């Protein structure tokens, strides 16, 4: 039996104050650039909400749980968290059902 390995999708809606949007976007773009270079990363896209400068949708895809775990343990993920720690963010996580 040929079993197809299912990738892991991560979907986040991140909202900040409009005045903090540039800072958040810059941190997200740094994370995106470095995450796309990870061996297990298949996709890392950032969308900005048209009606709200501080609204972002982040769509990530990883080969498997190990790749996602490595991403979350990476130095660039830690740096993103540090760079955005002072921002008042609302983060909503979505998972497939």
N, C-alpha and C. Protein backbone atom coordinates (compact mmCIF):
# COMPACT_ATOMS: atom_id res chain seq x y z
N UNK A 1 0.84 -1.18 0.00
CA UNK A 1 0.00 0.00 0.00
C UNK A 1 0.88 1.24 0.00
N UNK A 2 0.63 2.15 -0.90
CA UNK A 2 1.41 3.38 -1.02
C UNK A 2 0.76 4.47 -0.17
N UNK A 3 1.41 4.82 0.92
CA UNK A 3 0.87 5.85 1.80
C UNK A 3 1.52 7.18 1.47
N UNK A 4 0.69 8.16 1.21
CA UNK A 4 1.20 9.49 0.92
C UNK A 4 1.38 10.24 2.23
N UNK A 5 2.55 10.82 2.40
CA UNK A 5 2.84 11.56 3.62
C UNK A 5 2.14 12.91 3.56
N UNK A 6 1.43 13.24 4.61
CA UNK A 6 0.69 14.49 4.66
C UNK A 6 1.57 15.58 5.26
N UNK A 7 1.60 16.72 4.60
CA UNK A 7 2.38 17.84 5.12
C UNK A 7 1.63 18.51 6.26
N UNK A 8 2.32 19.37 6.99
CA UNK A 8 1.75 20.07 8.13
C UNK A 8 1.55 21.54 7.74
N UNK A 9 0.31 21.99 7.79
CA UNK A 9 0.00 23.38 7.48
C UNK A 9 -0.18 24.18 8.75
N UNK A 10 0.33 25.39 8.73
CA UNK A 10 0.17 26.33 9.84
C UNK A 10 -0.42 27.61 9.27
N UNK A 11 -1.55 28.02 9.83
CA UNK A 11 -2.22 29.24 9.38
C UNK A 11 -2.42 30.13 10.59
N UNK A 12 -1.90 31.34 10.50
CA UNK A 12 -1.98 32.29 11.61
C UNK A 12 -2.57 33.60 11.13
N UNK A 13 -3.49 34.13 11.90
CA UNK A 13 -3.97 35.49 11.66
C UNK A 13 -3.35 36.32 12.79
N UNK A 14 -2.54 37.28 12.41
CA UNK A 14 -1.84 38.12 13.38
C UNK A 14 -2.30 39.55 13.19
N UNK A 15 -2.69 40.18 14.29
CA UNK A 15 -3.17 41.56 14.24
C UNK A 15 -2.39 42.39 15.24
N UNK A 16 -2.02 43.59 14.82
CA UNK A 16 -1.37 44.56 15.70
C UNK A 16 -1.97 45.93 15.41
N UNK A 17 -1.59 46.91 16.19
CA UNK A 17 -2.04 48.27 15.94
C UNK A 17 -1.47 48.74 14.61
N UNK A 18 -2.23 49.53 13.84
CA UNK A 18 -1.73 50.00 12.55
C UNK A 18 -0.37 50.70 12.63
N UNK A 19 -0.10 51.39 13.72
CA UNK A 19 1.19 52.08 13.86
C UNK A 19 2.35 51.11 14.06
N UNK A 20 2.05 49.86 14.43
CA UNK A 20 3.08 48.85 14.64
C UNK A 20 3.23 47.92 13.43
N UNK A 21 2.44 48.16 12.39
CA UNK A 21 2.39 47.24 11.25
C UNK A 21 3.74 47.13 10.53
N UNK A 22 4.42 48.23 10.34
CA UNK A 22 5.72 48.18 9.63
C UNK A 22 6.72 47.32 10.39
N UNK A 23 6.75 47.48 11.68
CA UNK A 23 7.69 46.71 12.51
C UNK A 23 7.35 45.22 12.47
N UNK A 24 6.06 44.90 12.56
CA UNK A 24 5.66 43.50 12.48
C UNK A 24 5.96 42.93 11.10
N UNK A 25 5.64 43.65 10.05
CA UNK A 25 5.90 43.17 8.70
C UNK A 25 7.38 42.92 8.47
N UNK A 26 8.22 43.81 8.95
CA UNK A 26 9.67 43.63 8.81
C UNK A 26 10.13 42.35 9.50
N UNK A 27 9.64 42.11 10.70
CA UNK A 27 10.00 40.89 11.44
C UNK A 27 9.47 39.65 10.72
N UNK A 28 8.25 39.73 10.21
CA UNK A 28 7.68 38.60 9.46
C UNK A 28 8.48 38.31 8.19
N UNK A 29 8.91 39.35 7.49
CA UNK A 29 9.68 39.15 6.27
C UNK A 29 11.04 38.54 6.55
N UNK A 30 11.67 38.94 7.65
CA UNK A 30 12.94 38.30 8.04
C UNK A 30 12.71 36.82 8.33
N UNK A 31 11.64 36.53 9.08
CA UNK A 31 11.31 35.14 9.41
C UNK A 31 10.99 34.35 8.14
N UNK A 32 10.27 34.96 7.23
CA UNK A 32 9.92 34.31 5.98
C UNK A 32 11.16 33.93 5.18
N UNK A 33 12.06 34.87 5.01
CA UNK A 33 13.27 34.63 4.22
C UNK A 33 14.08 33.47 4.78
N UNK A 34 14.25 33.43 6.09
CA UNK A 34 15.06 32.38 6.70
C UNK A 34 14.30 31.06 6.78
N UNK A 35 13.00 31.12 6.99
CA UNK A 35 12.20 29.89 7.07
C UNK A 35 12.12 29.19 5.73
N UNK A 36 12.02 29.95 4.66
CA UNK A 36 11.96 29.34 3.32
C UNK A 36 13.22 28.56 3.00
N UNK A 37 14.32 28.87 3.66
CA UNK A 37 15.59 28.17 3.43
C UNK A 37 15.71 26.89 4.26
N UNK A 38 14.78 26.66 5.18
CA UNK A 38 14.81 25.45 6.00
C UNK A 38 14.55 24.22 5.13
N UNK A 39 15.25 23.12 5.38
CA UNK A 39 15.08 21.92 4.56
C UNK A 39 13.64 21.40 4.51
N UNK A 40 12.89 21.47 5.59
CA UNK A 40 11.55 20.90 5.62
C UNK A 40 10.43 21.88 5.32
N UNK A 41 10.79 23.11 4.94
CA UNK A 41 9.77 24.12 4.66
C UNK A 41 9.33 24.02 3.22
N UNK A 42 8.03 23.96 3.00
CA UNK A 42 7.48 23.92 1.64
C UNK A 42 6.90 25.27 1.22
N UNK A 43 6.46 26.06 2.20
CA UNK A 43 5.84 27.34 1.87
C UNK A 43 5.84 28.23 3.10
N UNK A 44 6.01 29.52 2.86
CA UNK A 44 5.86 30.53 3.90
C UNK A 44 5.41 31.81 3.19
N UNK A 45 4.12 32.08 3.26
CA UNK A 45 3.55 33.26 2.60
C UNK A 45 2.96 34.21 3.63
N UNK A 46 3.04 35.49 3.33
CA UNK A 46 2.48 36.54 4.18
C UNK A 46 1.50 37.34 3.35
N UNK A 47 0.31 37.51 3.87
CA UNK A 47 -0.70 38.36 3.23
C UNK A 47 -1.06 39.47 4.21
N UNK A 48 -1.23 40.68 3.70
CA UNK A 48 -1.61 41.81 4.54
C UNK A 48 -3.06 42.18 4.24
N UNK A 49 -3.81 42.41 5.28
CA UNK A 49 -5.23 42.75 5.13
C UNK A 49 -5.38 44.11 4.47
N UNK A 50 -6.23 44.20 3.48
CA UNK A 50 -6.43 45.45 2.73
C UNK A 50 -7.07 46.54 3.57
N UNK A 51 -8.01 46.18 4.42
CA UNK A 51 -8.75 47.17 5.19
C UNK A 51 -8.11 47.54 6.52
N UNK A 52 -7.03 46.88 6.90
CA UNK A 52 -6.41 47.11 8.20
C UNK A 52 -4.91 46.86 8.08
N UNK A 53 -4.13 47.92 8.14
CA UNK A 53 -2.68 47.80 7.93
C UNK A 53 -2.03 46.82 8.90
N UNK A 54 -2.60 46.65 10.07
CA UNK A 54 -2.01 45.77 11.09
C UNK A 54 -2.52 44.35 11.05
N UNK A 55 -3.23 43.98 9.99
CA UNK A 55 -3.76 42.62 9.90
C UNK A 55 -2.99 41.79 8.90
N UNK A 56 -2.50 40.64 9.34
CA UNK A 56 -1.70 39.75 8.49
C UNK A 56 -2.20 38.32 8.59
N UNK A 57 -2.04 37.60 7.50
CA UNK A 57 -2.30 36.17 7.46
C UNK A 57 -0.99 35.50 7.05
N UNK A 58 -0.54 34.56 7.85
CA UNK A 58 0.69 33.83 7.57
C UNK A 58 0.31 32.38 7.28
N UNK A 59 0.76 31.89 6.14
CA UNK A 59 0.46 30.52 5.71
C UNK A 59 1.79 29.79 5.53
N UNK A 60 1.98 28.75 6.33
CA UNK A 60 3.21 27.97 6.29
C UNK A 60 2.87 26.51 6.01
N UNK A 61 3.80 25.82 5.40
CA UNK A 61 3.65 24.39 5.19
C UNK A 61 5.00 23.71 5.40
N UNK A 62 4.98 22.63 6.16
CA UNK A 62 6.18 21.88 6.47
C UNK A 62 5.99 20.43 6.06
N UNK A 63 7.09 19.76 5.73
CA UNK A 63 7.04 18.37 5.28
C UNK A 63 6.43 17.44 6.31
N UNK A 64 6.76 17.66 7.59
CA UNK A 64 6.28 16.78 8.64
C UNK A 64 6.44 17.46 9.99
N UNK A 65 6.05 16.75 11.04
CA UNK A 65 6.13 17.29 12.41
C UNK A 65 7.57 17.63 12.80
N UNK A 66 8.52 16.83 12.35
CA UNK A 66 9.93 17.09 12.68
C UNK A 66 10.39 18.41 12.08
N UNK A 67 9.97 18.70 10.85
CA UNK A 67 10.34 19.96 10.21
C UNK A 67 9.71 21.14 10.93
N UNK A 68 8.47 21.00 11.37
CA UNK A 68 7.81 22.05 12.13
C UNK A 68 8.50 22.27 13.47
N UNK A 69 8.86 21.19 14.13
CA UNK A 69 9.56 21.29 15.41
C UNK A 69 10.91 21.98 15.24
N UNK A 70 11.62 21.64 14.17
CA UNK A 70 12.92 22.27 13.91
C UNK A 70 12.74 23.76 13.64
N UNK A 71 11.68 24.11 12.92
CA UNK A 71 11.38 25.52 12.66
C UNK A 71 11.15 26.27 13.97
N UNK A 72 10.34 25.71 14.83
CA UNK A 72 10.03 26.37 16.11
C UNK A 72 11.23 26.44 17.04
N UNK A 73 12.20 25.57 16.84
CA UNK A 73 13.41 25.57 17.67
C UNK A 73 14.54 26.40 17.05
N UNK A 74 14.30 26.95 15.85
CA UNK A 74 15.37 27.65 15.13
C UNK A 74 15.70 29.00 15.77
N UNK A 75 16.91 29.44 15.51
CA UNK A 75 17.36 30.73 16.00
C UNK A 75 16.52 31.87 15.41
N UNK A 76 16.18 31.78 14.14
CA UNK A 76 15.41 32.86 13.51
C UNK A 76 13.98 32.93 14.05
N UNK A 77 13.40 31.81 14.47
CA UNK A 77 12.07 31.84 15.10
C UNK A 77 12.18 32.53 16.46
N UNK A 78 13.23 32.20 17.21
CA UNK A 78 13.46 32.85 18.50
C UNK A 78 13.67 34.35 18.32
N UNK A 79 14.43 34.74 17.31
CA UNK A 79 14.67 36.16 17.03
C UNK A 79 13.37 36.87 16.66
N UNK A 80 12.49 36.21 15.91
CA UNK A 80 11.19 36.80 15.58
C UNK A 80 10.40 37.06 16.85
N UNK A 81 10.36 36.09 17.74
CA UNK A 81 9.61 36.25 18.99
C UNK A 81 10.18 37.39 19.82
N UNK A 82 11.50 37.50 19.85
CA UNK A 82 12.14 38.60 20.59
C UNK A 82 11.84 39.95 19.94
N UNK A 83 11.88 40.00 18.62
CA UNK A 83 11.66 41.26 17.89
C UNK A 83 10.23 41.76 18.03
N UNK A 84 9.30 40.85 18.27
CA UNK A 84 7.89 41.24 18.36
C UNK A 84 7.35 41.19 19.79
N UNK A 85 8.20 40.89 20.75
CA UNK A 85 7.74 40.73 22.13
C UNK A 85 7.08 41.99 22.69
N UNK A 86 7.52 43.16 22.29
CA UNK A 86 6.96 44.39 22.84
C UNK A 86 5.69 44.84 22.09
N UNK A 87 5.36 44.17 20.99
CA UNK A 87 4.15 44.52 20.24
C UNK A 87 2.94 43.84 20.89
N UNK A 88 1.83 44.54 20.87
CA UNK A 88 0.60 43.93 21.38
C UNK A 88 -0.08 43.21 20.22
N UNK A 89 0.18 41.90 20.14
CA UNK A 89 -0.30 41.10 19.03
C UNK A 89 -1.50 40.25 19.45
N UNK A 90 -2.41 40.09 18.54
CA UNK A 90 -3.46 39.08 18.68
C UNK A 90 -3.14 38.02 17.65
N UNK A 91 -2.98 36.78 18.11
CA UNK A 91 -2.63 35.69 17.21
C UNK A 91 -3.71 34.63 17.28
N UNK A 92 -4.27 34.31 16.13
CA UNK A 92 -5.25 33.24 16.01
C UNK A 92 -4.62 32.14 15.18
N UNK A 93 -4.65 30.93 15.71
CA UNK A 93 -4.09 29.77 14.99
C UNK A 93 -5.23 28.93 14.44
N UNK A 94 -5.05 28.45 13.22
CA UNK A 94 -6.05 27.63 12.57
C UNK A 94 -5.43 26.29 12.20
N UNK A 95 -6.21 25.23 12.36
CA UNK A 95 -5.74 23.89 12.01
C UNK A 95 -6.79 23.19 11.15
N UNK A 96 -6.37 22.29 10.27
CA UNK A 96 -7.33 21.55 9.45
C UNK A 96 -8.21 20.67 10.33
N UNK A 97 -9.42 20.47 9.87
CA UNK A 97 -10.34 19.60 10.61
C UNK A 97 -10.63 18.35 9.83
